[in-house]
Amino acid sequence: IEDNVFGAREDLVPLIDTIRNRNDYYLVCHDFEDYLRAQDEVDRAYFNKAEWNRRSILTATRMAKFSSDRTIQEYAQQIWNVVACPTPQPATTKEEHLKI
């Protein structure tokens, strides 16, 4: 930041001062070294395509519980108290495709 890599230094001075002067309310720097170590691991895995693919597949299969579709459905039912609209079926004939 101080070397103008991310923009003009003078524009970023307030951000730097906030973090350096122990006013890091959101704890941006609290675990920054751990973040950098994790990012190095991500970089290593990314350049090993087999490992990247393995981790990507495992991540996708393990996050089913955190599906956005499931979350939205739960909000709709439990918080918003709304009922889902029926999903239109795809057109099967030329006439249905042209129907407006």
PDB file of N, CA and C in Angstrom:
ATOM      1  N   ILE A   1       0.836  -1.190   0.000  1.00  0.00           N
ATOM      2  CA  ILE A   1       0.000   0.000   0.000  1.00  0.00           C
ATOM      3  C   ILE A   1       0.876   1.247   0.000  1.00  0.00           C
ATOM      4  N   GLU A   2       1.899   1.235   0.838  1.00  0.00           N
ATOM      5  CA  GLU A   2       2.762   2.418   0.945  1.00  0.00           C
ATOM      6  C   GLU A   2       3.564   2.676  -0.321  1.00  0.00           C
ATOM      7  N   ASP A   3       3.732   1.649  -1.171  1.00  0.00           N
ATOM      8  CA  ASP A   3       4.490   1.812  -2.416  1.00  0.00           C
ATOM      9  C   ASP A   3       3.590   2.128  -3.607  1.00  0.00           C
ATOM     10  N   ASN A   4       2.353   2.548  -3.355  1.00  0.00           N
ATOM     11  CA  ASN A   4       1.399   2.916  -4.405  1.00  0.00           C
ATOM     12  C   ASN A   4       1.000   1.758  -5.309  1.00  0.00           C
ATOM     13  N   VAL A   5       1.130   0.529  -4.821  1.00  0.00           N
ATOM     14  CA  VAL A   5       0.763  -0.643  -5.626  1.00  0.00           C
ATOM     15  C   VAL A   5      -0.754  -0.718  -5.813  1.00  0.00           C
ATOM     16  N   PHE A   6      -1.506  -0.331  -4.799  1.00  0.00           N
ATOM     17  CA  PHE A   6      -2.965  -0.464  -4.841  1.00  0.00           C
ATOM     18  C   PHE A   6      -3.677   0.848  -5.078  1.00  0.00           C
ATOM     19  N   GLY A   7      -2.954   1.852  -5.465  1.00  0.00           N
ATOM     20  CA  GLY A   7      -3.527   3.169  -5.684  1.00  0.00           C
ATOM     21  C   GLY A   7      -2.644   4.217  -5.028  1.00  0.00           C
ATOM     22  N   ALA A   8      -3.112   5.417  -5.082  1.00  0.00           N
ATOM     23  CA  ALA A   8      -2.339   6.521  -4.513  1.00  0.00           C
ATOM     24  C   ALA A   8      -2.251   6.368  -2.998  1.00  0.00           C
ATOM     25  N   ARG A   9      -1.035   6.398  -2.483  1.00  0.00           N
ATOM     26  CA  ARG A   9      -0.804   6.216  -1.050  1.00  0.00           C
ATOM     27  C   ARG A   9      -1.617   7.198  -0.218  1.00  0.00           C
ATOM     28  N   GLU A  10      -1.651   8.448  -0.661  1.00  0.00           N
ATOM     29  CA  GLU A  10      -2.356   9.461   0.140  1.00  0.00           C
ATOM     30  C   GLU A  10      -3.854   9.159   0.273  1.00  0.00           C
ATOM     31  N   ASP A  11      -4.408   8.429  -0.687  1.00  0.00           N
ATOM     32  CA  ASP A  11      -5.820   8.048  -0.598  1.00  0.00           C
ATOM     33  C   ASP A  11      -6.045   6.954   0.440  1.00  0.00           C
ATOM     34  N   LEU A  12      -5.000   6.180   0.716  1.00  0.00           N
ATOM     35  CA  LEU A  12      -5.134   5.032   1.611  1.00  0.00           C
ATOM     36  C   LEU A  12      -4.584   5.275   3.013  1.00  0.00           C
ATOM     37  N   VAL A  13      -3.987   6.441   3.237  1.00  0.00           N
ATOM     38  CA  VAL A  13      -3.415   6.758   4.546  1.00  0.00           C
ATOM     39  C   VAL A  13      -4.439   6.599   5.676  1.00  0.00           C
ATOM     40  N   PRO A  14      -5.683   7.072   5.535  1.00  0.00           N
ATOM     41  CA  PRO A  14      -6.641   6.895   6.634  1.00  0.00           C
ATOM     42  C   PRO A  14      -6.858   5.413   6.988  1.00  0.00           C
ATOM     43  N   LEU A  15      -6.903   4.559   6.001  1.00  0.00           N
ATOM     44  CA  LEU A  15      -7.075   3.133   6.264  1.00  0.00           C
ATOM     45  C   LEU A  15      -5.870   2.577   7.014  1.00  0.00           C
ATOM     46  N   ILE A  16      -4.683   2.902   6.537  1.00  0.00           N
ATOM     47  CA  ILE A  16      -3.460   2.419   7.180  1.00  0.00           C
ATOM     48  C   ILE A  16      -3.381   2.923   8.617  1.00  0.00           C
ATOM     49  N   ASP A  17      -3.650   4.193   8.816  1.00  0.00           N
ATOM     50  CA  ASP A  17      -3.598   4.765  10.165  1.00  0.00           C
ATOM     51  C   ASP A  17      -4.596   4.093  11.102  1.00  0.00           C
ATOM     52  N   THR A  18      -5.776   3.832  10.611  1.00  0.00           N
ATOM     53  CA  THR A  18      -6.794   3.179  11.433  1.00  0.00           C
ATOM     54  C   THR A  18      -6.312   1.818  11.906  1.00  0.00           C
ATOM     55  N   ILE A  19      -5.745   1.045  11.014  1.00  0.00           N
ATOM     56  CA  ILE A  19      -5.294  -0.297  11.374  1.00  0.00           C
ATOM     57  C   ILE A  19      -4.058  -0.236  12.278  1.00  0.00           C
ATOM     58  N   ARG A  20      -3.109   0.598  11.938  1.00  0.00           N
ATOM     59  CA  ARG A  20      -1.854   0.666  12.700  1.00  0.00           C
ATOM     60  C   ARG A  20      -2.023   1.256  14.091  1.00  0.00           C
ATOM     61  N   ASN A  21      -2.957   2.122  14.285  1.00  0.00           N
ATOM     62  CA  ASN A  21      -3.107   2.802  15.570  1.00  0.00           C
ATOM     63  C   ASN A  21      -4.094   2.104  16.489  1.00  0.00           C
ATOM     64  N   ARG A  22      -4.195   0.809  16.341  1.00  0.00           N
ATOM     65  CA  ARG A  22      -5.028  -0.040  17.196  1.00  0.00           C
ATOM     66  C   ARG A  22      -6.508   0.336  17.170  1.00  0.00           C
ATOM     67  N   ASN A  23      -6.944   0.808  16.040  1.00  0.00           N
ATOM     68  CA  ASN A  23      -8.368   1.097  15.856  1.00  0.00           C
ATOM     69  C   ASN A  23      -8.973   0.113  14.862  1.00  0.00           C
ATOM     70  N   ASP A  24      -8.440  -1.082  14.847  1.00  0.00           N
ATOM     71  CA  ASP A  24      -8.854  -2.111  13.889  1.00  0.00           C
ATOM     72  C   ASP A  24     -10.134  -2.782  14.387  1.00  0.00           C
ATOM     73  N   TYR A  25     -11.237  -2.042  14.316  1.00  0.00           N
ATOM     74  CA  TYR A  25     -12.523  -2.487  14.862  1.00  0.00           C
ATOM     75  C   TYR A  25     -12.946  -3.849  14.314  1.00  0.00           C
ATOM     76  N   TYR A  26     -12.710  -4.091  13.017  1.00  0.00           N
ATOM     77  CA  TYR A  26     -13.121  -5.348  12.396  1.00  0.00           C
ATOM     78  C   TYR A  26     -12.026  -6.409  12.432  1.00  0.00           C
ATOM     79  N   LEU A  27     -10.941  -6.130  13.148  1.00  0.00           N
ATOM     80  CA  LEU A  27      -9.843  -7.079  13.337  1.00  0.00           C
ATOM     81  C   LEU A  27      -9.270  -7.581  12.018  1.00  0.00           C
ATOM     82  N   VAL A  28      -9.121  -6.672  11.082  1.00  0.00           N
ATOM     83  CA  VAL A  28      -8.569  -7.007   9.769  1.00  0.00           C
ATOM     84  C   VAL A  28      -7.174  -7.614   9.906  1.00  0.00           C
ATOM     85  N   CYS A  29      -6.377  -7.054  10.801  1.00  0.00           N
ATOM     86  CA  CYS A  29      -4.988  -7.509  10.948  1.00  0.00           C
ATOM     87  C   CYS A  29      -4.809  -8.560  12.034  1.00  0.00           C
ATOM     88  N   HIS A  30      -5.843  -8.854  12.764  1.00  0.00           N
ATOM     89  CA  HIS A  30      -5.737  -9.761  13.900  1.00  0.00           C
ATOM     90  C   HIS A  30      -5.134 -11.113  13.509  1.00  0.00           C
ATOM     91  N   ASP A  31      -5.584 -11.675  12.429  1.00  0.00           N
ATOM     92  CA  ASP A  31      -5.078 -12.981  11.991  1.00  0.00           C
ATOM     93  C   ASP A  31      -4.521 -12.913  10.570  1.00  0.00           C
ATOM     94  N   PHE A  32      -3.951 -11.774  10.231  1.00  0.00           N
ATOM     95  CA  PHE A  32      -3.488 -11.563   8.861  1.00  0.00           C
ATOM     96  C   PHE A  32      -2.386 -12.541   8.466  1.00  0.00           C
ATOM     97  N   GLU A  33      -1.472 -12.874   9.388  1.00  0.00           N
ATOM     98  CA  GLU A  33      -0.415 -13.840   9.054  1.00  0.00           C
ATOM     99  C   GLU A  33      -1.013 -15.214   8.771  1.00  0.00           C
ATOM    100  N   ASP A  34      -2.034 -15.608   9.524  1.00  0.00           N
ATOM    101  CA  ASP A  34      -2.714 -16.880   9.241  1.00  0.00           C
ATOM    102  C   ASP A  34      -3.400 -16.829   7.881  1.00  0.00           C
ATOM    103  N   TYR A  35      -3.986 -15.683   7.573  1.00  0.00           N
ATOM    104  CA  TYR A  35      -4.608 -15.503   6.259  1.00  0.00           C
ATOM    105  C   TYR A  35      -3.576 -15.682   5.153  1.00  0.00           C
ATOM    106  N   LEU A  36      -2.399 -15.072   5.316  1.00  0.00           N
ATOM    107  CA  LEU A  36      -1.353 -15.184   4.291  1.00  0.00           C
ATOM    108  C   LEU A  36      -0.886 -16.627   4.146  1.00  0.00           C
ATOM    109  N   ARG A  37      -0.741 -17.345   5.262  1.00  0.00           N
ATOM    110  CA  ARG A  37      -0.356 -18.767   5.188  1.00  0.00           C
ATOM    111  C   ARG A  37      -1.417 -19.571   4.442  1.00  0.00           C
ATOM    112  N   ALA A  38      -2.672 -19.317   4.755  1.00  0.00           N
ATOM    113  CA  ALA A  38      -3.756 -20.031   4.067  1.00  0.00           C
ATOM    114  C   ALA A  38      -3.767 -19.694   2.582  1.00  0.00           C
ATOM    115  N   GLN A  39      -3.514 -18.437   2.252  1.00  0.00           N
ATOM    116  CA  GLN A  39      -3.485 -18.036   0.842  1.00  0.00           C
ATOM    117  C   GLN A  39      -2.334 -18.719   0.108  1.00  0.00           C
ATOM    118  N   ASP A  40      -1.192 -18.899   0.773  1.00  0.00           N
ATOM    119  CA  ASP A  40      -0.077 -19.637   0.168  1.00  0.00           C
ATOM    120  C   ASP A  40      -0.481 -21.083  -0.112  1.00  0.00           C
ATOM    121  N   GLU A  41      -1.224 -21.683   0.810  1.00  0.00           N
ATOM    122  CA  GLU A  41      -1.702 -23.052   0.602  1.00  0.00           C
ATOM    123  C   GLU A  41      -2.669 -23.117  -0.581  1.00  0.00           C
ATOM    124  N   VAL A  42      -3.543 -22.132  -0.696  1.00  0.00           N
ATOM    125  CA  VAL A  42      -4.463 -22.054  -1.834  1.00  0.00           C
ATOM    126  C   VAL A  42      -3.671 -21.971  -3.140  1.00  0.00           C
ATOM    127  N   ASP A  43      -2.652 -21.121  -3.151  1.00  0.00           N
ATOM    128  CA  ASP A  43      -1.834 -20.975  -4.360  1.00  0.00           C
ATOM    129  C   ASP A  43      -1.159 -22.299  -4.736  1.00  0.00           C
ATOM    130  N   ARG A  44      -0.599 -22.981  -3.744  1.00  0.00           N
ATOM    131  CA  ARG A  44       0.056 -24.271  -4.033  1.00  0.00           C
ATOM    132  C   ARG A  44      -0.953 -25.280  -4.578  1.00  0.00           C
ATOM    133  N   ALA A  45      -2.111 -25.355  -3.957  1.00  0.00           N
ATOM    134  CA  ALA A  45      -3.127 -26.311  -4.410  1.00  0.00           C
ATOM    135  C   ALA A  45      -3.608 -25.961  -5.816  1.00  0.00           C
ATOM    136  N   TYR A  46      -3.763 -24.683  -6.102  1.00  0.00           N
ATOM    137  CA  TYR A  46      -4.266 -24.268  -7.410  1.00  0.00           C
ATOM    138  C   TYR A  46      -3.322 -24.691  -8.533  1.00  0.00           C
ATOM    139  N   PHE A  47      -2.037 -24.604  -8.299  1.00  0.00           N
ATOM    140  CA  PHE A  47      -1.075 -24.961  -9.342  1.00  0.00           C
ATOM    141  C   PHE A  47      -0.885 -26.467  -9.462  1.00  0.00           C
ATOM    142  N   ASN A  48      -1.433 -27.236  -8.539  1.00  0.00           N
ATOM    143  CA  ASN A  48      -1.456 -28.693  -8.643  1.00  0.00           C
ATOM    144  C   ASN A  48      -2.890 -29.053  -9.037  1.00  0.00           C
ATOM    145  N   LYS A  49      -3.123 -29.186 -10.335  1.00  0.00           N
ATOM    146  CA  LYS A  49      -4.500 -29.327 -10.846  1.00  0.00           C
ATOM    147  C   LYS A  49      -5.239 -30.508 -10.238  1.00  0.00           C
ATOM    148  N   ALA A  50      -4.558 -31.626 -10.038  1.00  0.00           N
ATOM    149  CA  ALA A  50      -5.226 -32.797  -9.450  1.00  0.00           C
ATOM    150  C   ALA A  50      -5.690 -32.482  -8.027  1.00  0.00           C
ATOM    151  N   GLU A  51      -4.826 -31.817  -7.257  1.00  0.00           N
ATOM    152  CA  GLU A  51      -5.193 -31.460  -5.883  1.00  0.00           C
ATOM    153  C   GLU A  51      -6.305 -30.418  -5.870  1.00  0.00           C
ATOM    154  N   TRP A  52      -6.225 -29.446  -6.766  1.00  0.00           N
ATOM    155  CA  TRP A  52      -7.262 -28.422  -6.853  1.00  0.00           C
ATOM    156  C   TRP A  52      -8.617 -29.052  -7.175  1.00  0.00           C
ATOM    157  N   ASN A  53      -8.629 -29.951  -8.146  1.00  0.00           N
ATOM    158  CA  ASN A  53      -9.879 -30.627  -8.516  1.00  0.00           C
ATOM    159  C   ASN A  53     -10.422 -31.447  -7.354  1.00  0.00           C
ATOM    160  N   ARG A  54      -9.538 -32.172  -6.657  1.00  0.00           N
ATOM    161  CA  ARG A  54      -9.961 -32.986  -5.517  1.00  0.00           C
ATOM    162  C   ARG A  54     -10.602 -32.097  -4.443  1.00  0.00           C
ATOM    163  N   ARG A  55      -9.924 -31.008  -4.097  1.00  0.00           N
ATOM    164  CA  ARG A  55     -10.452 -30.118  -3.067  1.00  0.00           C
ATOM    165  C   ARG A  55     -11.742 -29.429  -3.506  1.00  0.00           C
ATOM    166  N   SER A  56     -11.821 -29.070  -4.773  1.00  0.00           N
ATOM    167  CA  SER A  56     -13.037 -28.416  -5.280  1.00  0.00           C
ATOM    168  C   SER A  56     -14.236 -29.348  -5.171  1.00  0.00           C
ATOM    169  N   ILE A  57     -14.041 -30.597  -5.556  1.00  0.00           N
ATOM    170  CA  ILE A  57     -15.138 -31.573  -5.491  1.00  0.00           C
ATOM    171  C   ILE A  57     -15.541 -31.822  -4.041  1.00  0.00           C
ATOM    172  N   LEU A  58     -14.549 -32.006  -3.165  1.00  0.00           N
ATOM    173  CA  LEU A  58     -14.872 -32.219  -1.750  1.00  0.00           C
ATOM    174  C   LEU A  58     -15.616 -31.021  -1.167  1.00  0.00           C
ATOM    175  N   THR A  59     -15.181 -29.835  -1.487  1.00  0.00           N
ATOM    176  CA  THR A  59     -15.834 -28.625  -0.974  1.00  0.00           C
ATOM    177  C   THR A  59     -17.285 -28.556  -1.445  1.00  0.00           C
ATOM    178  N   ALA A  60     -17.494 -28.816  -2.732  1.00  0.00           N
ATOM    179  CA  ALA A  60     -18.853 -28.746  -3.282  1.00  0.00           C
ATOM    180  C   ALA A  60     -19.763 -29.783  -2.631  1.00  0.00           C
ATOM    181  N   THR A  61     -19.251 -30.985  -2.408  1.00  0.00           N
ATOM    182  CA  THR A  61     -20.107 -32.027  -1.830  1.00  0.00           C
ATOM    183  C   THR A  61     -20.355 -31.809  -0.343  1.00  0.00           C
ATOM    184  N   ARG A  62     -19.455 -31.129   0.324  1.00  0.00           N
ATOM    185  CA  ARG A  62     -19.609 -30.906   1.766  1.00  0.00           C
ATOM    186  C   ARG A  62     -20.470 -29.696   2.098  1.00  0.00           C
ATOM    187  N   MET A  63     -20.789 -28.872   1.132  1.00  0.00           N
ATOM    188  CA  MET A  63     -21.558 -27.674   1.448  1.00  0.00           C
ATOM    189  C   MET A  63     -23.036 -27.789   1.109  1.00  0.00           C
ATOM    190  N   ALA A  64     -23.510 -28.979   0.867  1.00  0.00           N
ATOM    191  CA  ALA A  64     -24.925 -29.160   0.543  1.00  0.00           C
ATOM    192  C   ALA A  64     -25.825 -28.592   1.634  1.00  0.00           C
ATOM    193  N   LYS A  65     -25.427 -28.741   2.890  1.00  0.00           N
ATOM    194  CA  LYS A  65     -26.215 -28.217   3.995  1.00  0.00           C
ATOM    195  C   LYS A  65     -26.357 -26.698   3.907  1.00  0.00           C
ATOM    196  N   PHE A  66     -25.387 -26.034   3.280  1.00  0.00           N
ATOM    197  CA  PHE A  66     -25.383 -24.583   3.223  1.00  0.00           C
ATOM    198  C   PHE A  66     -25.883 -24.058   1.882  1.00  0.00           C
ATOM    199  N   SER A  67     -26.700 -24.822   1.229  1.00  0.00           N
ATOM    200  CA  SER A  67     -27.249 -24.430  -0.068  1.00  0.00           C
ATOM    201  C   SER A  67     -28.057 -23.141   0.046  1.00  0.00           C
ATOM    202  N   SER A  68     -27.840 -22.238  -0.902  1.00  0.00           N
ATOM    203  CA  SER A  68     -28.622 -20.997  -0.893  1.00  0.00           C
ATOM    204  C   SER A  68     -30.094 -21.293  -1.171  1.00  0.00           C
ATOM    205  N   ASP A  69     -30.379 -22.301  -2.003  1.00  0.00           N
ATOM    206  CA  ASP A  69     -31.774 -22.653  -2.267  1.00  0.00           C
ATOM    207  C   ASP A  69     -32.469 -23.081  -0.972  1.00  0.00           C
ATOM    208  N   ARG A  70     -31.796 -23.905  -0.183  1.00  0.00           N
ATOM    209  CA  ARG A  70     -32.378 -24.361   1.079  1.00  0.00           C
ATOM    210  C   ARG A  70     -32.572 -23.181   2.024  1.00  0.00           C
ATOM    211  N   THR A  71     -31.592 -22.307   2.087  1.00  0.00           N
ATOM    212  CA  THR A  71     -31.671 -21.161   2.981  1.00  0.00           C
ATOM    213  C   THR A  71     -32.834 -20.250   2.599  1.00  0.00           C
ATOM    214  N   ILE A  72     -32.979 -19.978   1.318  1.00  0.00           N
ATOM    215  CA  ILE A  72     -34.082 -19.120   0.856  1.00  0.00           C
ATOM    216  C   ILE A  72     -35.421 -19.780   1.148  1.00  0.00           C
ATOM    217  N   GLN A  73     -35.495 -21.085   0.947  1.00  0.00           N
ATOM    218  CA  GLN A  73     -36.744 -21.802   1.232  1.00  0.00           C
ATOM    219  C   GLN A  73     -37.083 -21.699   2.724  1.00  0.00           C
ATOM    220  N   GLU A  74     -36.083 -21.861   3.584  1.00  0.00           N
ATOM    221  CA  GLU A  74     -36.332 -21.740   5.025  1.00  0.00           C
ATOM    222  C   GLU A  74     -36.773 -20.321   5.398  1.00  0.00           C
ATOM    223  N   TYR A  75     -36.135 -19.311   4.833  1.00  0.00           N
ATOM    224  CA  TYR A  75     -36.550 -17.933   5.095  1.00  0.00           C
ATOM    225  C   TYR A  75     -37.991 -17.728   4.646  1.00  0.00           C
ATOM    226  N   ALA A  76     -38.304 -18.221   3.457  1.00  0.00           N
ATOM    227  CA  ALA A  76     -39.663 -18.044   2.923  1.00  0.00           C
ATOM    228  C   ALA A  76     -40.699 -18.651   3.864  1.00  0.00           C
ATOM    229  N   GLN A  77     -40.414 -19.832   4.366  1.00  0.00           N
ATOM    230  CA  GLN A  77     -41.380 -20.525   5.211  1.00  0.00           C
ATOM    231  C   GLN A  77     -41.396 -19.991   6.639  1.00  0.00           C
ATOM    232  N   GLN A  78     -40.225 -19.801   7.233  1.00  0.00           N
ATOM    233  CA  GLN A  78     -40.140 -19.524   8.659  1.00  0.00           C
ATOM    234  C   GLN A  78     -40.128 -18.033   9.015  1.00  0.00           C
ATOM    235  N   ILE A  79     -39.667 -17.205   8.100  1.00  0.00           N
ATOM    236  CA  ILE A  79     -39.544 -15.783   8.432  1.00  0.00           C
ATOM    237  C   ILE A  79     -40.543 -14.937   7.656  1.00  0.00           C
ATOM    238  N   TRP A  80     -40.574 -15.134   6.344  1.00  0.00           N
ATOM    239  CA  TRP A  80     -41.440 -14.312   5.508  1.00  0.00           C
ATOM    240  C   TRP A  80     -42.861 -14.837   5.439  1.00  0.00           C
ATOM    241  N   ASN A  81     -43.055 -16.104   5.783  1.00  0.00           N
ATOM    242  CA  ASN A  81     -44.381 -16.742   5.733  1.00  0.00           C
ATOM    243  C   ASN A  81     -45.023 -16.617   4.357  1.00  0.00           C
ATOM    244  N   VAL A  82     -44.269 -16.951   3.321  1.00  0.00           N
ATOM    245  CA  VAL A  82     -44.790 -16.921   1.959  1.00  0.00           C
ATOM    246  C   VAL A  82     -44.760 -18.327   1.377  1.00  0.00           C
ATOM    247  N   VAL A  83     -45.611 -18.533   0.389  1.00  0.00           N
ATOM    248  CA  VAL A  83     -45.695 -19.823  -0.290  1.00  0.00           C
ATOM    249  C   VAL A  83     -45.068 -19.679  -1.672  1.00  0.00           C
ATOM    250  N   ALA A  84     -44.318 -20.679  -2.078  1.00  0.00           N
ATOM    251  CA  ALA A  84     -43.653 -20.635  -3.382  1.00  0.00           C
ATOM    252  C   ALA A  84     -44.667 -20.658  -4.515  1.00  0.00           C
ATOM    253  N   CYS A  85     -44.362 -19.936  -5.572  1.00  0.00           N
ATOM    254  CA  CYS A  85     -45.190 -19.958  -6.780  1.00  0.00           C
ATOM    255  C   CYS A  85     -44.873 -21.217  -7.572  1.00  0.00           C
ATOM    256  N   PRO A  86     -45.851 -21.751  -8.292  1.00  0.00           N
ATOM    257  CA  PRO A  86     -45.556 -22.918  -9.110  1.00  0.00           C
ATOM    258  C   PRO A  86     -44.559 -22.560 -10.211  1.00  0.00           C
ATOM    259  N   THR A  87     -43.660 -23.465 -10.488  1.00  0.00           N
ATOM    260  CA  THR A  87     -42.673 -23.247 -11.543  1.00  0.00           C
ATOM    261  C   THR A  87     -43.266 -23.634 -12.881  1.00  0.00           C
ATOM    262  N   PRO A  88     -43.250 -22.742 -13.855  1.00  0.00           N
ATOM    263  CA  PRO A  88     -43.807 -23.081 -15.164  1.00  0.00           C
ATOM    264  C   PRO A  88     -43.000 -24.205 -15.814  1.00  0.00           C
ATOM    265  N   GLN A  89     -43.701 -25.073 -16.486  1.00  0.00           N
ATOM    266  CA  GLN A  89     -43.042 -26.169 -17.188  1.00  0.00           C
ATOM    267  C   GLN A  89     -42.527 -25.669 -18.532  1.00  0.00           C
ATOM    268  N   PRO A  90     -41.443 -26.255 -19.029  1.00  0.00           N
ATOM    269  CA  PRO A  90     -40.921 -25.831 -20.331  1.00  0.00           C
ATOM    270  C   PRO A  90     -41.922 -26.131 -21.450  1.00  0.00           C
ATOM    271  N   ALA A  91     -41.891 -25.298 -22.460  1.00  0.00           N
ATOM    272  CA  ALA A  91     -42.770 -25.505 -23.618  1.00  0.00           C
ATOM    273  C   ALA A  91     -42.379 -26.790 -24.324  1.00  0.00           C
ATOM    274  N   THR A  92     -43.381 -27.503 -24.800  1.00  0.00           N
ATOM    275  CA  THR A  92     -43.109 -28.759 -25.505  1.00  0.00           C
ATOM    276  C   THR A  92     -43.471 -28.692 -26.982  1.00  0.00           C
ATOM    277  N   THR A  93     -44.211 -27.653 -27.375  1.00  0.00           N
ATOM    278  CA  THR A  93     -44.586 -27.519 -28.782  1.00  0.00           C
ATOM    279  C   THR A  93     -44.169 -26.150 -29.295  1.00  0.00           C
ATOM    280  N   LYS A  94     -44.161 -26.017 -30.624  1.00  0.00           N
ATOM    281  CA  LYS A  94     -43.809 -24.736 -31.235  1.00  0.00           C
ATOM    282  C   LYS A  94     -44.793 -23.656 -30.828  1.00  0.00           C
ATOM    283  N   GLU A  95     -46.070 -23.993 -30.746  1.00  0.00           N
ATOM    284  CA  GLU A  95     -47.094 -23.032 -30.377  1.00  0.00           C
ATOM    285  C   GLU A  95     -46.865 -22.504 -28.958  1.00  0.00           C
ATOM    286  N   GLU A  96     -46.486 -23.399 -28.055  1.00  0.00           N
ATOM    287  CA  GLU A  96     -46.233 -22.974 -26.675  1.00  0.00           C
ATOM    288  C   GLU A  96     -45.001 -22.063 -26.605  1.00  0.00           C
ATOM    289  N   HIS A  97     -44.001 -22.312 -27.452  1.00  0.00           N
ATOM    290  CA  HIS A  97     -42.811 -21.463 -27.491  1.00  0.00           C
ATOM    291  C   HIS A  97     -43.177 -20.046 -27.907  1.00  0.00           C
ATOM    292  N   LEU A  98     -44.120 -19.906 -28.807  1.00  0.00           N
ATOM    293  CA  LEU A  98     -44.488 -18.611 -29.356  1.00  0.00           C
ATOM    294  C   LEU A  98     -45.520 -17.890 -28.496  1.00  0.00           C
ATOM    295  N   LYS A  99     -46.139 -18.595 -27.543  1.00  0.00           N
ATOM    296  CA  LYS A  99     -47.170 -18.013 -26.690  1.00  0.00           C
ATOM    297  C   LYS A  99     -46.558 -16.969 -25.769  1.00  0.00           C
ATOM    298  N   ILE A 100     -47.188 -15.821 -25.726  1.00  0.00           N
ATOM    299  CA  ILE A 100     -46.675 -14.732 -24.878  1.00  0.00           C
ATOM    300  C   ILE A 100     -47.532 -14.594 -23.653  1.00  0.00           C
TER     301      ILE A 100
END
